[in-house]
Each structure stands twice: as C-alpha cells, then as structure tokens.
N, C-alpha and C. Protein backbone atom coordinates (compact mmCIF):
# COMPACT_ATOMS: atom_id res chain seq x y z
N UNK A 1 115.10 12.84 -112.01
CA UNK A 1 113.90 12.46 -112.74
C UNK A 1 112.61 12.93 -112.11
N UNK A 2 112.69 13.71 -111.04
CA UNK A 2 111.48 14.22 -110.38
C UNK A 2 111.04 15.49 -111.09
N UNK A 3 109.78 15.53 -111.52
CA UNK A 3 109.25 16.72 -112.17
C UNK A 3 108.83 17.75 -111.12
N UNK A 4 109.25 18.97 -111.31
CA UNK A 4 108.90 20.03 -110.37
C UNK A 4 107.54 20.62 -110.69
N UNK A 5 106.87 21.09 -109.66
CA UNK A 5 105.72 21.97 -109.81
C UNK A 5 106.21 23.35 -109.45
N UNK A 6 106.25 24.25 -110.41
CA UNK A 6 106.89 25.55 -110.24
C UNK A 6 105.85 26.63 -109.96
N UNK A 7 105.97 27.29 -108.80
CA UNK A 7 105.15 28.46 -108.51
C UNK A 7 105.75 29.63 -109.29
N UNK A 8 105.05 30.05 -110.35
CA UNK A 8 105.64 30.94 -111.34
C UNK A 8 105.00 32.32 -111.34
N UNK A 9 105.81 33.34 -111.07
CA UNK A 9 105.36 34.72 -111.31
C UNK A 9 105.25 34.92 -112.81
N UNK A 10 104.14 35.46 -113.27
CA UNK A 10 103.95 35.60 -114.71
C UNK A 10 104.96 36.56 -115.34
N UNK A 11 105.51 37.49 -114.56
CA UNK A 11 106.52 38.40 -115.11
C UNK A 11 107.76 37.65 -115.62
N UNK A 12 108.01 36.45 -115.07
CA UNK A 12 109.15 35.66 -115.55
C UNK A 12 108.98 35.33 -117.02
N UNK A 13 107.74 35.09 -117.44
CA UNK A 13 107.48 34.79 -118.86
C UNK A 13 107.87 35.97 -119.74
N UNK A 14 107.68 37.17 -119.23
CA UNK A 14 107.98 38.38 -120.01
C UNK A 14 109.49 38.64 -120.08
N UNK A 15 110.18 38.47 -118.96
CA UNK A 15 111.56 38.93 -118.86
C UNK A 15 112.61 37.83 -118.93
N UNK A 16 112.21 36.59 -118.66
CA UNK A 16 113.17 35.49 -118.68
C UNK A 16 112.58 34.27 -119.40
N UNK A 17 112.23 34.41 -120.66
CA UNK A 17 111.61 33.29 -121.38
C UNK A 17 112.50 32.06 -121.47
N UNK A 18 113.82 32.24 -121.32
CA UNK A 18 114.71 31.08 -121.37
C UNK A 18 114.44 30.11 -120.22
N UNK A 19 113.97 30.64 -119.08
CA UNK A 19 113.61 29.77 -117.95
C UNK A 19 112.40 28.92 -118.32
N UNK A 20 111.43 29.52 -118.98
CA UNK A 20 110.23 28.80 -119.38
C UNK A 20 110.58 27.72 -120.40
N UNK A 21 111.45 28.06 -121.35
CA UNK A 21 111.85 27.09 -122.37
C UNK A 21 112.53 25.88 -121.72
N UNK A 22 113.42 26.13 -120.76
CA UNK A 22 114.12 25.03 -120.09
C UNK A 22 113.15 24.20 -119.26
N UNK A 23 112.21 24.88 -118.56
CA UNK A 23 111.22 24.15 -117.77
C UNK A 23 110.34 23.26 -118.62
N UNK A 24 109.96 23.75 -119.79
CA UNK A 24 109.16 22.92 -120.70
C UNK A 24 109.94 21.69 -121.16
N UNK A 25 111.24 21.85 -121.39
CA UNK A 25 112.05 20.70 -121.76
C UNK A 25 112.04 19.65 -120.66
N UNK A 26 112.03 20.11 -119.42
CA UNK A 26 112.06 19.20 -118.27
C UNK A 26 110.66 18.71 -117.87
N UNK A 27 109.63 19.19 -118.61
CA UNK A 27 108.25 18.81 -118.35
C UNK A 27 107.79 19.23 -116.96
N UNK A 28 108.26 20.40 -116.52
CA UNK A 28 107.77 20.95 -115.27
C UNK A 28 106.31 21.35 -115.39
N UNK A 29 105.63 21.33 -114.27
CA UNK A 29 104.27 21.89 -114.22
C UNK A 29 104.36 23.34 -113.75
N UNK A 30 103.64 24.23 -114.45
CA UNK A 30 103.62 25.64 -114.07
C UNK A 30 102.37 25.93 -113.23
N UNK A 31 102.58 26.52 -112.08
CA UNK A 31 101.52 26.88 -111.16
C UNK A 31 101.50 28.40 -111.00
N UNK A 32 100.34 29.02 -111.09
CA UNK A 32 100.25 30.47 -110.96
C UNK A 32 100.74 30.97 -109.61
N UNK A 33 101.45 32.09 -109.63
CA UNK A 33 102.03 32.66 -108.40
C UNK A 33 102.03 34.19 -108.49
N UNK A 34 100.87 34.73 -108.89
CA UNK A 34 100.73 36.18 -109.08
C UNK A 34 101.61 36.66 -110.24
N UNK A 35 101.54 37.96 -110.48
CA UNK A 35 102.38 38.56 -111.52
C UNK A 35 103.81 38.71 -111.04
N UNK A 36 103.95 39.07 -109.77
CA UNK A 36 105.26 39.28 -109.17
C UNK A 36 105.14 39.08 -107.67
N UNK A 37 106.23 38.73 -107.00
CA UNK A 37 106.20 38.58 -105.54
C UNK A 37 106.11 39.92 -104.83
N UNK A 38 106.38 41.00 -105.54
CA UNK A 38 106.38 42.31 -104.89
C UNK A 38 104.99 42.93 -104.79
N UNK A 39 103.97 42.27 -105.37
CA UNK A 39 102.60 42.79 -105.29
C UNK A 39 101.67 41.62 -104.99
N UNK A 40 101.36 41.46 -103.71
CA UNK A 40 100.54 40.34 -103.27
C UNK A 40 99.06 40.72 -103.36
N UNK A 41 98.21 39.71 -103.39
CA UNK A 41 96.79 39.97 -103.56
C UNK A 41 96.21 40.80 -102.42
N UNK A 42 96.75 40.67 -101.23
CA UNK A 42 96.24 41.46 -100.11
C UNK A 42 96.57 42.94 -100.27
N UNK A 43 97.50 43.27 -101.18
CA UNK A 43 97.88 44.66 -101.43
C UNK A 43 97.16 45.24 -102.65
N UNK A 44 96.35 44.44 -103.32
CA UNK A 44 95.67 44.86 -104.54
C UNK A 44 94.27 45.36 -104.18
N UNK A 45 93.82 46.51 -104.72
CA UNK A 45 92.44 46.94 -104.49
C UNK A 45 91.46 45.84 -104.88
N UNK A 46 90.39 45.70 -104.13
CA UNK A 46 89.45 44.59 -104.33
C UNK A 46 88.95 44.50 -105.76
N UNK A 47 88.72 45.65 -106.38
CA UNK A 47 88.19 45.65 -107.74
C UNK A 47 89.22 45.20 -108.78
N UNK A 48 90.49 45.08 -108.38
CA UNK A 48 91.53 44.68 -109.32
C UNK A 48 91.97 43.23 -109.14
N UNK A 49 91.52 42.58 -108.07
CA UNK A 49 92.01 41.23 -107.76
C UNK A 49 91.79 40.25 -108.90
N UNK A 50 90.57 40.20 -109.42
CA UNK A 50 90.28 39.23 -110.47
C UNK A 50 91.12 39.51 -111.71
N UNK A 51 91.31 40.78 -112.03
CA UNK A 51 92.12 41.13 -113.19
C UNK A 51 93.56 40.69 -113.05
N UNK A 52 94.11 40.82 -111.85
CA UNK A 52 95.49 40.39 -111.60
C UNK A 52 95.61 38.88 -111.78
N UNK A 53 94.64 38.14 -111.23
CA UNK A 53 94.65 36.68 -111.35
C UNK A 53 94.54 36.26 -112.81
N UNK A 54 93.57 36.83 -113.51
CA UNK A 54 93.36 36.47 -114.91
C UNK A 54 94.59 36.80 -115.76
N UNK A 55 95.18 37.96 -115.53
CA UNK A 55 96.35 38.35 -116.31
C UNK A 55 97.52 37.41 -116.06
N UNK A 56 97.74 37.06 -114.79
CA UNK A 56 98.84 36.16 -114.47
C UNK A 56 98.66 34.82 -115.18
N UNK A 57 97.45 34.27 -115.14
CA UNK A 57 97.19 32.99 -115.78
C UNK A 57 97.30 33.09 -117.30
N UNK A 58 96.79 34.18 -117.86
CA UNK A 58 96.85 34.37 -119.31
C UNK A 58 98.29 34.47 -119.80
N UNK A 59 99.12 35.24 -119.08
CA UNK A 59 100.51 35.43 -119.49
C UNK A 59 101.29 34.13 -119.40
N UNK A 60 101.05 33.36 -118.33
CA UNK A 60 101.74 32.07 -118.21
C UNK A 60 101.31 31.12 -119.32
N UNK A 61 100.02 31.11 -119.62
CA UNK A 61 99.54 30.25 -120.70
C UNK A 61 100.19 30.63 -122.03
N UNK A 62 100.25 31.93 -122.31
CA UNK A 62 100.85 32.38 -123.56
C UNK A 62 102.35 32.07 -123.60
N UNK A 63 103.03 32.27 -122.48
CA UNK A 63 104.47 32.09 -122.45
C UNK A 63 104.92 30.64 -122.42
N UNK A 64 104.12 29.77 -121.79
CA UNK A 64 104.54 28.38 -121.61
C UNK A 64 103.80 27.41 -122.51
N UNK A 65 102.65 27.83 -123.04
CA UNK A 65 101.84 26.95 -123.86
C UNK A 65 100.84 26.14 -123.07
N UNK A 66 100.82 26.31 -121.74
CA UNK A 66 99.90 25.56 -120.89
C UNK A 66 99.28 26.49 -119.85
N UNK A 67 97.97 26.41 -119.69
CA UNK A 67 97.31 27.22 -118.68
C UNK A 67 97.44 26.55 -117.32
N UNK A 68 97.89 27.26 -116.30
CA UNK A 68 98.07 26.63 -114.99
C UNK A 68 96.76 26.11 -114.42
N UNK A 69 96.85 24.94 -113.80
CA UNK A 69 95.71 24.37 -113.08
C UNK A 69 95.83 24.58 -111.58
N UNK A 70 96.99 25.07 -111.14
CA UNK A 70 97.23 25.28 -109.72
C UNK A 70 97.61 26.72 -109.42
N UNK A 71 97.52 27.09 -108.13
CA UNK A 71 97.81 28.46 -107.72
C UNK A 71 98.40 28.46 -106.31
N UNK A 72 99.46 29.23 -106.16
CA UNK A 72 100.03 29.54 -104.84
C UNK A 72 100.19 31.04 -104.80
N UNK A 73 99.45 31.71 -103.93
CA UNK A 73 99.54 33.17 -103.86
C UNK A 73 100.92 33.62 -103.40
N UNK A 74 101.36 34.75 -103.91
CA UNK A 74 102.63 35.31 -103.43
C UNK A 74 102.55 35.48 -101.92
N UNK A 75 103.56 34.96 -101.22
CA UNK A 75 103.54 35.02 -99.77
C UNK A 75 102.47 34.14 -99.16
N UNK A 76 101.85 33.26 -99.99
CA UNK A 76 100.74 32.40 -99.52
C UNK A 76 99.64 33.25 -98.92
N UNK A 77 99.38 34.39 -99.52
CA UNK A 77 98.39 35.33 -98.97
C UNK A 77 97.29 35.58 -99.99
N UNK A 78 96.05 35.60 -99.50
CA UNK A 78 94.91 35.88 -100.35
C UNK A 78 93.77 36.39 -99.48
N UNK A 79 92.79 37.01 -100.12
CA UNK A 79 91.55 37.36 -99.44
C UNK A 79 90.50 36.31 -99.83
N UNK A 80 89.26 36.44 -99.38
CA UNK A 80 88.26 35.42 -99.68
C UNK A 80 87.85 35.36 -101.15
N UNK A 81 87.57 36.47 -101.82
CA UNK A 81 87.06 36.37 -103.20
C UNK A 81 87.95 35.64 -104.18
N UNK A 82 89.28 35.71 -104.08
CA UNK A 82 90.10 35.05 -105.11
C UNK A 82 89.84 33.57 -105.32
N UNK A 83 89.34 32.84 -104.32
CA UNK A 83 89.05 31.43 -104.54
C UNK A 83 88.03 31.27 -105.67
N UNK A 84 86.99 32.10 -105.67
CA UNK A 84 86.00 32.04 -106.75
C UNK A 84 86.60 32.53 -108.06
N UNK A 85 87.43 33.56 -107.99
CA UNK A 85 88.07 34.06 -109.21
C UNK A 85 88.97 32.98 -109.83
N UNK A 86 89.73 32.31 -108.98
CA UNK A 86 90.63 31.26 -109.47
C UNK A 86 89.85 30.15 -110.18
N UNK A 87 88.78 29.70 -109.54
CA UNK A 87 87.97 28.64 -110.14
C UNK A 87 87.35 29.10 -111.45
N UNK A 88 86.93 30.36 -111.51
CA UNK A 88 86.29 30.89 -112.71
C UNK A 88 87.25 30.94 -113.89
N UNK A 89 88.55 31.03 -113.62
CA UNK A 89 89.53 31.16 -114.69
C UNK A 89 90.36 29.89 -114.90
N UNK A 90 89.80 28.76 -114.48
CA UNK A 90 90.37 27.48 -114.85
C UNK A 90 91.27 26.81 -113.84
N UNK A 91 91.49 27.44 -112.68
CA UNK A 91 92.33 26.82 -111.66
C UNK A 91 91.56 25.70 -110.96
N UNK A 92 92.23 24.58 -110.72
CA UNK A 92 91.60 23.42 -110.10
C UNK A 92 92.09 23.14 -108.69
N UNK A 93 93.28 23.66 -108.34
CA UNK A 93 93.77 23.42 -106.99
C UNK A 93 94.56 24.62 -106.48
N UNK A 94 94.61 24.75 -105.15
CA UNK A 94 95.35 25.83 -104.50
C UNK A 94 96.25 25.23 -103.42
N UNK A 95 97.33 25.96 -103.12
CA UNK A 95 98.30 25.47 -102.12
C UNK A 95 98.46 26.42 -100.94
N UNK A 96 97.63 27.45 -100.84
CA UNK A 96 97.79 28.45 -99.79
C UNK A 96 97.35 27.98 -98.42
N UNK A 97 96.60 26.89 -98.36
CA UNK A 97 96.01 26.45 -97.10
C UNK A 97 96.84 25.29 -96.55
N UNK A 98 97.78 25.61 -95.70
CA UNK A 98 98.78 24.61 -95.26
C UNK A 98 98.35 23.95 -93.95
N UNK A 99 97.17 23.36 -93.95
CA UNK A 99 96.60 22.87 -92.69
C UNK A 99 96.32 21.37 -92.69
N UNK A 100 96.89 20.62 -93.64
CA UNK A 100 96.66 19.18 -93.65
C UNK A 100 97.76 18.50 -94.46
N UNK A 101 97.92 17.21 -94.22
CA UNK A 101 98.87 16.40 -94.99
C UNK A 101 98.17 15.61 -96.09
N UNK A 102 96.87 15.87 -96.27
CA UNK A 102 96.11 15.24 -97.34
C UNK A 102 95.35 16.31 -98.11
N UNK A 103 95.08 16.07 -99.39
CA UNK A 103 94.22 17.00 -100.12
C UNK A 103 92.81 17.00 -99.55
N UNK A 104 92.08 18.06 -99.79
CA UNK A 104 90.65 18.08 -99.45
C UNK A 104 89.93 19.04 -100.37
N UNK A 105 88.62 18.85 -100.45
CA UNK A 105 87.80 19.64 -101.35
C UNK A 105 87.32 20.92 -100.69
N UNK A 106 87.35 22.01 -101.43
CA UNK A 106 86.83 23.29 -100.98
C UNK A 106 85.63 23.62 -101.85
N UNK A 107 84.45 23.74 -101.24
CA UNK A 107 83.24 24.08 -101.96
C UNK A 107 83.02 25.59 -101.86
N UNK A 108 82.89 26.24 -103.00
CA UNK A 108 82.83 27.69 -103.04
C UNK A 108 81.40 28.18 -103.16
N UNK A 109 81.20 29.46 -102.84
CA UNK A 109 79.87 30.04 -102.92
C UNK A 109 79.32 30.00 -104.34
N UNK A 110 80.20 30.03 -105.32
CA UNK A 110 79.78 29.99 -106.72
C UNK A 110 79.26 28.62 -107.13
N UNK A 111 79.46 27.62 -106.28
CA UNK A 111 79.07 26.26 -106.61
C UNK A 111 80.22 25.46 -107.21
N UNK A 112 81.32 26.13 -107.55
CA UNK A 112 82.49 25.45 -108.07
C UNK A 112 83.28 24.81 -106.93
N UNK A 113 84.25 23.98 -107.31
CA UNK A 113 85.08 23.29 -106.32
C UNK A 113 86.54 23.52 -106.63
N UNK A 114 87.32 23.63 -105.58
CA UNK A 114 88.77 23.62 -105.69
C UNK A 114 89.31 22.52 -104.77
N UNK A 115 90.48 22.01 -105.10
CA UNK A 115 91.15 21.05 -104.24
C UNK A 115 92.30 21.76 -103.55
N UNK A 116 92.37 21.64 -102.24
CA UNK A 116 93.51 22.14 -101.49
C UNK A 116 94.58 21.07 -101.46
N UNK A 117 95.77 21.42 -101.94
CA UNK A 117 96.90 20.49 -101.99
C UNK A 117 97.91 20.88 -100.91
N UNK A 118 98.42 19.93 -100.13
CA UNK A 118 99.37 20.27 -99.07
C UNK A 118 100.62 21.00 -99.58
N UNK A 119 100.93 22.09 -98.91
CA UNK A 119 102.16 22.84 -99.08
C UNK A 119 102.79 22.87 -97.69
N UNK A 120 103.96 23.47 -97.53
CA UNK A 120 104.61 23.40 -96.22
C UNK A 120 105.28 24.71 -95.83
N UNK A 121 105.00 25.14 -94.61
CA UNK A 121 105.76 26.23 -94.00
C UNK A 121 107.11 25.74 -93.49
N UNK A 122 107.20 24.47 -93.18
CA UNK A 122 108.34 23.94 -92.44
C UNK A 122 109.38 23.26 -93.33
N UNK A 123 108.92 22.35 -94.19
CA UNK A 123 109.85 21.73 -95.15
C UNK A 123 109.95 22.70 -96.32
N UNK A 124 110.56 23.81 -96.04
CA UNK A 124 110.59 24.98 -96.92
C UNK A 124 111.90 25.71 -96.64
N UNK A 125 112.70 25.92 -97.66
CA UNK A 125 114.04 26.44 -97.40
C UNK A 125 114.09 27.90 -96.97
N UNK A 126 113.04 28.68 -97.22
CA UNK A 126 113.08 30.07 -96.75
C UNK A 126 113.07 30.14 -95.22
N UNK A 127 112.06 29.57 -94.54
CA UNK A 127 112.14 29.61 -93.07
C UNK A 127 113.30 28.81 -92.51
N UNK A 128 113.63 27.68 -93.16
CA UNK A 128 114.71 26.84 -92.63
C UNK A 128 116.04 27.58 -92.62
N UNK A 129 116.38 28.23 -93.73
CA UNK A 129 117.70 28.87 -93.84
C UNK A 129 117.69 30.34 -93.44
N UNK A 130 116.66 31.08 -93.84
CA UNK A 130 116.67 32.52 -93.60
C UNK A 130 116.18 32.90 -92.21
N UNK A 131 115.26 32.13 -91.66
CA UNK A 131 114.68 32.49 -90.35
C UNK A 131 115.26 31.68 -89.21
N UNK A 132 115.48 30.39 -89.44
CA UNK A 132 115.91 29.51 -88.35
C UNK A 132 117.38 29.12 -88.45
N UNK A 133 118.06 29.58 -89.48
CA UNK A 133 119.50 29.34 -89.64
C UNK A 133 119.88 27.87 -89.58
N UNK A 134 119.04 27.03 -90.20
CA UNK A 134 119.36 25.61 -90.26
C UNK A 134 120.54 25.38 -91.21
N UNK A 135 121.31 24.38 -90.92
CA UNK A 135 122.36 23.98 -91.85
C UNK A 135 121.74 23.14 -92.96
N UNK A 136 122.50 22.93 -94.03
CA UNK A 136 122.01 22.10 -95.12
C UNK A 136 121.73 20.68 -94.63
N UNK A 137 122.58 20.17 -93.76
CA UNK A 137 122.39 18.81 -93.26
C UNK A 137 121.17 18.72 -92.35
N UNK A 138 120.91 19.78 -91.58
CA UNK A 138 119.70 19.80 -90.75
C UNK A 138 118.45 19.80 -91.63
N UNK A 139 118.49 20.55 -92.71
CA UNK A 139 117.35 20.59 -93.63
C UNK A 139 117.15 19.21 -94.27
N UNK A 140 118.25 18.56 -94.64
CA UNK A 140 118.15 17.20 -95.18
C UNK A 140 117.48 16.27 -94.18
N UNK A 141 117.88 16.36 -92.92
CA UNK A 141 117.30 15.50 -91.91
C UNK A 141 115.83 15.81 -91.68
N UNK A 142 115.46 17.08 -91.74
CA UNK A 142 114.05 17.47 -91.61
C UNK A 142 113.22 16.83 -92.72
N UNK A 143 113.73 16.87 -93.94
CA UNK A 143 113.01 16.27 -95.07
C UNK A 143 112.84 14.78 -94.84
N UNK A 144 113.90 14.11 -94.44
CA UNK A 144 113.84 12.66 -94.24
C UNK A 144 112.92 12.29 -93.08
N UNK A 145 112.96 13.05 -91.99
CA UNK A 145 112.09 12.77 -90.84
C UNK A 145 110.62 13.00 -91.21
N UNK A 146 110.36 14.07 -91.94
CA UNK A 146 108.99 14.33 -92.40
C UNK A 146 108.49 13.17 -93.26
N UNK A 147 109.34 12.76 -94.19
CA UNK A 147 108.97 11.65 -95.06
C UNK A 147 108.70 10.37 -94.27
N UNK A 148 109.56 10.05 -93.30
CA UNK A 148 109.39 8.81 -92.54
C UNK A 148 108.02 8.75 -91.87
N UNK A 149 107.61 9.86 -91.26
CA UNK A 149 106.31 9.89 -90.58
C UNK A 149 105.17 9.74 -91.58
N UNK A 150 105.21 10.51 -92.66
CA UNK A 150 104.12 10.46 -93.64
C UNK A 150 104.09 9.11 -94.36
N UNK A 151 105.25 8.53 -94.61
CA UNK A 151 105.31 7.22 -95.25
C UNK A 151 104.66 6.16 -94.35
N UNK A 152 104.95 6.24 -93.08
CA UNK A 152 104.36 5.29 -92.13
C UNK A 152 102.85 5.49 -92.05
N UNK A 153 102.40 6.72 -91.92
CA UNK A 153 100.96 7.00 -91.87
C UNK A 153 100.28 6.67 -93.20
N UNK A 154 101.02 6.84 -94.29
CA UNK A 154 100.45 6.60 -95.61
C UNK A 154 100.13 5.15 -95.89
N UNK A 155 100.61 4.25 -95.06
CA UNK A 155 100.27 2.84 -95.23
C UNK A 155 98.78 2.61 -95.01
N UNK A 156 98.15 3.48 -94.23
CA UNK A 156 96.72 3.38 -93.96
C UNK A 156 95.90 4.28 -94.88
N UNK A 157 96.40 5.47 -95.14
CA UNK A 157 95.71 6.43 -96.00
C UNK A 157 96.75 7.39 -96.56
N UNK A 158 96.78 7.53 -97.87
CA UNK A 158 97.88 8.22 -98.54
C UNK A 158 98.10 9.64 -98.02
N UNK A 159 99.36 10.06 -98.01
CA UNK A 159 99.75 11.41 -97.60
C UNK A 159 100.46 12.09 -98.76
N UNK A 160 100.41 13.42 -98.77
CA UNK A 160 101.12 14.21 -99.78
C UNK A 160 102.18 15.04 -99.06
N UNK A 161 103.39 15.00 -99.57
CA UNK A 161 104.50 15.72 -98.95
C UNK A 161 105.10 16.71 -99.95
N UNK A 162 105.09 17.97 -99.58
CA UNK A 162 105.71 19.01 -100.40
C UNK A 162 107.10 19.32 -99.87
N UNK A 163 108.05 19.46 -100.78
CA UNK A 163 109.39 19.94 -100.44
C UNK A 163 109.54 21.27 -101.17
N UNK A 164 109.51 22.35 -100.42
CA UNK A 164 109.37 23.69 -101.00
C UNK A 164 110.74 24.37 -101.10
N UNK A 165 111.17 24.60 -102.33
CA UNK A 165 112.55 25.03 -102.60
C UNK A 165 112.59 26.31 -103.41
N UNK A 166 113.65 27.07 -103.19
CA UNK A 166 113.93 28.29 -103.95
C UNK A 166 115.38 28.20 -104.43
N UNK A 167 115.61 28.29 -105.73
CA UNK A 167 116.96 28.05 -106.25
C UNK A 167 118.05 28.91 -105.63
N UNK A 168 117.71 30.15 -105.24
CA UNK A 168 118.75 31.01 -104.68
C UNK A 168 119.20 30.57 -103.29
N UNK A 169 118.45 29.64 -102.68
CA UNK A 169 118.82 29.12 -101.37
C UNK A 169 119.37 27.69 -101.48
N UNK A 170 118.49 26.74 -101.84
CA UNK A 170 118.92 25.35 -101.91
C UNK A 170 119.86 25.10 -103.08
N UNK A 171 119.80 25.94 -104.09
CA UNK A 171 120.66 25.77 -105.26
C UNK A 171 122.11 26.17 -105.03
N UNK A 172 122.43 26.68 -103.85
CA UNK A 172 123.83 27.02 -103.56
C UNK A 172 124.70 25.76 -103.60
N UNK A 173 125.91 25.86 -104.13
CA UNK A 173 126.76 24.67 -104.23
C UNK A 173 126.98 23.95 -102.90
N UNK A 174 127.01 24.70 -101.79
CA UNK A 174 127.28 24.04 -100.52
C UNK A 174 126.03 23.42 -99.90
N UNK A 175 124.84 23.59 -100.55
CA UNK A 175 123.61 23.01 -100.02
C UNK A 175 123.02 21.93 -100.92
N UNK A 176 123.29 21.98 -102.21
CA UNK A 176 122.56 21.14 -103.14
C UNK A 176 122.79 19.65 -102.90
N UNK A 177 123.97 19.28 -102.40
CA UNK A 177 124.23 17.86 -102.15
C UNK A 177 123.30 17.30 -101.07
N UNK A 178 122.95 18.14 -100.10
CA UNK A 178 122.04 17.69 -99.04
C UNK A 178 120.67 17.38 -99.61
N UNK A 179 120.21 18.18 -100.56
CA UNK A 179 118.93 17.90 -101.21
C UNK A 179 119.02 16.60 -102.00
N UNK A 180 120.11 16.42 -102.73
CA UNK A 180 120.29 15.19 -103.50
C UNK A 180 120.19 13.96 -102.59
N UNK A 181 120.82 14.03 -101.43
CA UNK A 181 120.79 12.91 -100.49
C UNK A 181 119.37 12.65 -99.98
N UNK A 182 118.63 13.72 -99.69
CA UNK A 182 117.26 13.56 -99.20
C UNK A 182 116.37 12.93 -100.26
N UNK A 183 116.50 13.40 -101.50
CA UNK A 183 115.67 12.85 -102.58
C UNK A 183 116.05 11.40 -102.86
N UNK A 184 117.33 11.10 -102.80
CA UNK A 184 117.76 9.72 -102.99
C UNK A 184 117.17 8.81 -101.91
N UNK A 185 117.13 9.31 -100.68
CA UNK A 185 116.55 8.54 -99.58
C UNK A 185 115.07 8.25 -99.85
N UNK A 186 114.34 9.27 -100.26
CA UNK A 186 112.91 9.10 -100.53
C UNK A 186 112.68 8.11 -101.67
N UNK A 187 113.46 8.24 -102.73
CA UNK A 187 113.26 7.41 -103.92
C UNK A 187 113.62 5.95 -103.70
N UNK A 188 114.32 5.63 -102.63
CA UNK A 188 114.67 4.24 -102.34
C UNK A 188 113.51 3.46 -101.73
N UNK A 189 112.42 4.15 -101.39
CA UNK A 189 111.27 3.50 -100.76
C UNK A 189 110.25 3.06 -101.82
N UNK A 190 109.63 1.92 -101.56
CA UNK A 190 108.60 1.41 -102.46
C UNK A 190 107.30 2.20 -102.29
N UNK A 191 106.53 2.27 -103.38
CA UNK A 191 105.19 2.84 -103.29
C UNK A 191 105.13 4.34 -103.21
N UNK A 192 106.22 5.03 -103.51
CA UNK A 192 106.24 6.49 -103.48
C UNK A 192 105.88 7.02 -104.87
N UNK A 193 104.90 7.90 -104.92
CA UNK A 193 104.47 8.48 -106.19
C UNK A 193 105.09 9.88 -106.30
N UNK A 194 105.95 10.08 -107.27
CA UNK A 194 106.61 11.37 -107.49
C UNK A 194 105.72 12.21 -108.40
N UNK A 195 104.72 12.83 -107.83
CA UNK A 195 103.65 13.46 -108.59
C UNK A 195 103.75 14.98 -108.58
N UNK A 196 103.20 15.60 -109.61
CA UNK A 196 103.04 17.05 -109.63
C UNK A 196 101.76 17.42 -108.89
N UNK A 197 101.61 18.70 -108.63
CA UNK A 197 100.40 19.17 -107.94
C UNK A 197 99.13 18.80 -108.69
N UNK A 198 99.14 19.00 -110.00
CA UNK A 198 97.95 18.71 -110.79
C UNK A 198 97.64 17.22 -110.82
N UNK A 199 98.66 16.39 -110.85
CA UNK A 199 98.42 14.95 -110.82
C UNK A 199 97.77 14.53 -109.51
N UNK A 200 98.22 15.12 -108.40
CA UNK A 200 97.62 14.82 -107.10
C UNK A 200 96.18 15.28 -107.06
N UNK A 201 95.93 16.52 -107.51
CA UNK A 201 94.58 17.08 -107.45
C UNK A 201 93.60 16.26 -108.28
N UNK A 202 94.01 15.89 -109.48
CA UNK A 202 93.10 15.14 -110.35
C UNK A 202 92.85 13.73 -109.83
N UNK A 203 93.88 13.11 -109.26
CA UNK A 203 93.69 11.78 -108.67
C UNK A 203 92.71 11.87 -107.49
N UNK A 204 92.89 12.89 -106.66
CA UNK A 204 92.01 13.03 -105.50
C UNK A 204 90.58 13.30 -105.96
N UNK A 205 90.41 14.19 -106.94
CA UNK A 205 89.05 14.51 -107.41
C UNK A 205 88.38 13.30 -108.01
N UNK A 206 89.15 12.44 -108.67
CA UNK A 206 88.58 11.23 -109.25
C UNK A 206 87.99 10.32 -108.18
N UNK A 207 88.60 10.31 -106.98
CA UNK A 207 88.06 9.52 -105.89
C UNK A 207 86.72 10.08 -105.41
N UNK A 208 86.56 11.40 -105.47
CA UNK A 208 85.30 12.03 -105.05
C UNK A 208 84.20 11.76 -106.05
N UNK A 209 84.56 11.76 -107.33
CA UNK A 209 83.56 11.59 -108.38
C UNK A 209 83.18 10.12 -108.55
C-alpha cells in the first residue's frame, strides 16, 4: 500500500507506455529524471540544458497526464542554472542534494523557491549491491537501522527517509523478500507517514508560509 515516487526518464513514456499505465493505476507519483540516464545534464551544452529539462517534463506530462512537481537528475548530477530552469517549468522540489535528513528551502537567484527533499546515497540498492556487495539481508538491516535512528530523532523534529530502489536489483526474486520485511518493520510503528515526495514538499512549504 505504499505509493512510490518514481524517478522517470521521459523516454520511458515514448517506448514503454504500459509502465506508465500501470503506475497510474497504482497512483505512483512521477518525478522528472531527464530524458534518459545515458545523457546527464553535465554532458549537455549549456544552451541546451533548459530545453532538455522542459522536454522531459512536457513528455512525462503528456504520457502520464500529470506534470512532475519533483526532479532527480540522472546520476544526481546538475550544474547551477538548472535549479532556475526547473522552477521556471513548474518543478517544486529536487532530490539531488543529499545533505540532510530534513527538507529545506532553496532560494534561487530568480526569486523562486525550491524545496530540497532528502534522497540517499546509502539506503540505495545501487551502491549497496553493485559497489559494496551487500547481501539482501544486510540491505534490510541497513534500512531498519536507518529507520530506527530517524524515528527516534523524529520524536523531536520530523525526519524524511528515502529508500532508493531499482527494480533490476531489489526486484530480483532472491532479494524482494528482504525489502518486504523491512517495509513491514517500518509500517508496524506508530506515527509514520508513508508520503510521496510532493506530499512532503508541500507539507514543508506550508509550514514556511
């Protein structure tokens, strides 16, 4: 019953619309993630950056019926100007800045604002499995340990915890049960909000306003 926030390459809308249809049935939130992972913003000529961002958001909106309010750059990489470009094209939050366990406001030179939402390098199956060779059970324990600390700290001031997954890794039959156990552990605790990125960003912004 947990709704995913999906970092979506816009090319998926063009070539695999069945994924978008299934995600809409599950009420997933779509978050912009460039056109493709093979062309990151740091590899795009400066004069093309805004066009790439706008096109990715436009294609996702057309394909899914909803314009993304969030953005995670491919490879979590960006240059400085895209923050203003993202805000100009309707994005309200970004996940590329993995430096806190709480959201915070980013004030841009344009005068617009973005909310930085916590993402994770560590509770993330790519580094866990591909770089550090963690077992599925070790990854489960990492998720639970991360949650325990943030849950305890959240008693004083709320924390946001991202569990960053890629179906080709965690979706393997020999790993998926470990994720199920971790999510079951989290859901057994009182006061846990199973929120999407946009829900977190809007709640945080409401506190500022």
